[in-house]
Amino acid sequence: MEETVGQLRKEDLQRLYELQRHIYTLASQIESLEREKRIKEITLQQLQASTHHKPTVYQSVGRLFVLEDYDTLISSLNKEMEILGEQIRTKQKLKSQFEAKWESSRLTSVPKT
């Protein structure tokens, strides 16, 4: 009986550890996506604040810079920001689900005295 209780306790702790690891991983991914989105927002603001009507713009491709149409680049940045926003929302929902599971597992695995 004591071995079974110890085994269950060990499994609960492993499950809590795994859930916590998933939460930290998702938090890191969300932070990275938010940083990437913010960079794109700043780039978009800088492009739109340009004094020229349609300035000459270049997009980096690896080590090269390629001439890019202004409107195409603006459209591309907006679309990428939309995609990043959706990815952030999806990961935040998933993180919330893991946090709820972690909280309920933590509460049920606490020994009653």
Protein backbone atom coordinates (compact mmCIF):
# COMPACT_ATOMS: atom_id res chain seq x y z
CA MET A 1 0.00 0.00 0.00
CA GLU A 2 2.79 2.40 0.92
CA GLU A 3 4.57 1.70 -2.39
CA THR A 4 1.38 2.52 -4.30
CA VAL A 5 0.98 5.84 -2.47
CA GLY A 6 4.64 6.67 -3.12
CA GLN A 7 4.28 5.75 -6.80
CA LEU A 8 1.14 7.87 -7.16
CA ARG A 9 2.90 10.78 -5.45
CA LYS A 10 5.87 10.42 -7.80
CA GLU A 11 3.56 10.34 -10.86
CA ASP A 12 1.74 13.46 -9.61
CA LEU A 13 5.03 15.29 -9.18
CA GLN A 14 6.18 14.25 -12.65
CA ARG A 15 2.90 15.45 -14.15
CA LEU A 16 3.22 18.78 -12.32
CA TYR A 17 6.80 19.14 -13.54
CA GLU A 18 5.78 18.43 -17.15
CA LEU A 19 2.90 20.91 -16.99
CA GLN A 20 5.17 23.56 -15.51
CA ARG A 21 7.77 22.92 -18.23
CA HIS A 22 5.09 23.36 -20.92
CA ILE A 23 3.96 26.61 -19.29
CA TYR A 24 7.50 28.02 -19.25
CA THR A 25 8.09 26.94 -22.85
CA LEU A 26 4.86 28.60 -24.00
CA ALA A 27 5.68 31.77 -22.06
CA SER A 28 9.05 31.92 -23.80
CA GLN A 29 7.46 31.37 -27.22
CA ILE A 30 4.84 34.07 -26.54
CA GLU A 31 7.55 36.50 -25.50
CA SER A 32 9.53 35.77 -28.67
CA LEU A 33 6.46 36.22 -30.90
CA GLU A 34 5.55 39.49 -29.16
CA ARG A 35 9.10 40.77 -29.69
CA GLU A 36 8.95 39.85 -33.38
CA LYS A 37 5.55 41.53 -33.74
CA ARG A 38 6.83 44.68 -32.04
CA ILE A 39 9.79 44.85 -34.44
CA LYS A 40 7.41 44.62 -37.38
CA GLU A 41 5.18 47.35 -35.87
CA ILE A 42 8.16 49.67 -35.48
CA THR A 43 9.31 48.94 -39.03
CA LEU A 44 5.82 49.68 -40.33
CA GLN A 45 5.66 52.95 -38.36
CA GLN A 46 9.05 54.01 -39.73
CA LEU A 47 8.01 53.24 -43.29
CA GLN A 48 4.73 55.10 -42.98
CA ALA A 49 6.42 58.10 -41.33
CA SER A 50 8.71 58.53 -44.32
CA THR A 51 8.68 62.00 -45.89
CA HIS A 52 8.62 60.56 -49.41
CA HIS A 53 5.29 59.45 -50.79
CA LYS A 54 6.61 56.03 -51.79
CA PRO A 55 10.25 55.69 -50.81
CA THR A 56 12.60 53.14 -52.29
CA VAL A 57 12.67 50.19 -49.92
CA TYR A 58 14.81 47.11 -49.69
CA GLN A 59 14.05 43.85 -47.95
CA SER A 60 16.81 41.68 -46.54
CA VAL A 61 17.04 38.17 -47.92
CA GLY A 62 19.82 36.44 -46.03
CA ARG A 63 22.90 38.56 -46.62
CA LEU A 64 21.41 40.41 -49.58
CA PHE A 65 19.04 43.34 -49.87
CA VAL A 66 16.45 43.12 -52.62
CA LEU A 67 14.50 46.07 -54.01
CA GLU A 68 10.89 45.72 -52.87
CA ASP A 69 7.75 47.54 -53.92
CA TYR A 70 6.61 49.85 -51.09
CA ASP A 71 2.95 48.78 -51.16
CA THR A 72 3.89 45.10 -51.30
CA LEU A 73 6.17 45.49 -48.30
CA ILE A 74 3.51 47.35 -46.28
CA SER A 75 0.95 44.68 -47.15
CA SER A 76 3.41 41.93 -46.25
CA LEU A 77 4.20 43.51 -42.87
CA ASN A 78 0.50 43.90 -42.05
CA LYS A 79 -0.18 40.28 -42.97
CA GLU A 80 2.79 39.02 -40.92
CA MET A 81 1.62 41.05 -37.91
CA GLU A 82 -1.86 39.54 -38.26
CA ILE A 83 -0.38 36.03 -38.34
CA LEU A 84 1.84 36.77 -35.34
CA GLY A 85 -1.15 38.14 -33.43
CA GLU A 86 -3.11 34.95 -34.10
CA GLN A 87 -0.15 32.78 -33.06
CA ILE A 88 0.19 34.78 -29.83
CA ARG A 89 -3.52 34.40 -29.04
CA THR A 90 -3.38 30.64 -29.73
CA LYS A 91 -0.35 30.13 -27.50
CA GLN A 92 -1.87 32.27 -24.73
CA LYS A 93 -5.02 30.11 -24.78
CA LEU A 94 -2.91 26.97 -24.65
CA LYS A 95 -0.85 28.41 -21.80
CA SER A 96 -4.05 29.24 -19.89
CA GLN A 97 -5.26 25.68 -20.35
CA PHE A 98 -1.95 24.28 -19.04
CA GLU A 99 -2.05 26.69 -16.10
CA ALA A 100 -5.58 25.54 -15.23
CA LYS A 101 -4.49 21.88 -15.44
CA TRP A 102 -1.42 22.66 -13.35
CA GLU A 103 -3.51 24.41 -10.71
CA SER A 104 -6.08 21.61 -10.51
CA SER A 105 -3.34 18.93 -10.43
CA ARG A 106 -1.47 20.84 -7.77
CA LEU A 107 -4.57 21.10 -5.62
CA THR A 108 -5.47 17.43 -5.98
CA SER A 109 -1.94 16.18 -5.35
CA VAL A 110 -1.48 18.07 -2.08
CA PRO A 111 -1.69 15.50 0.71
CA LYS A 112 -4.59 15.93 3.11
CA THR A 113 -3.59 16.00 6.74
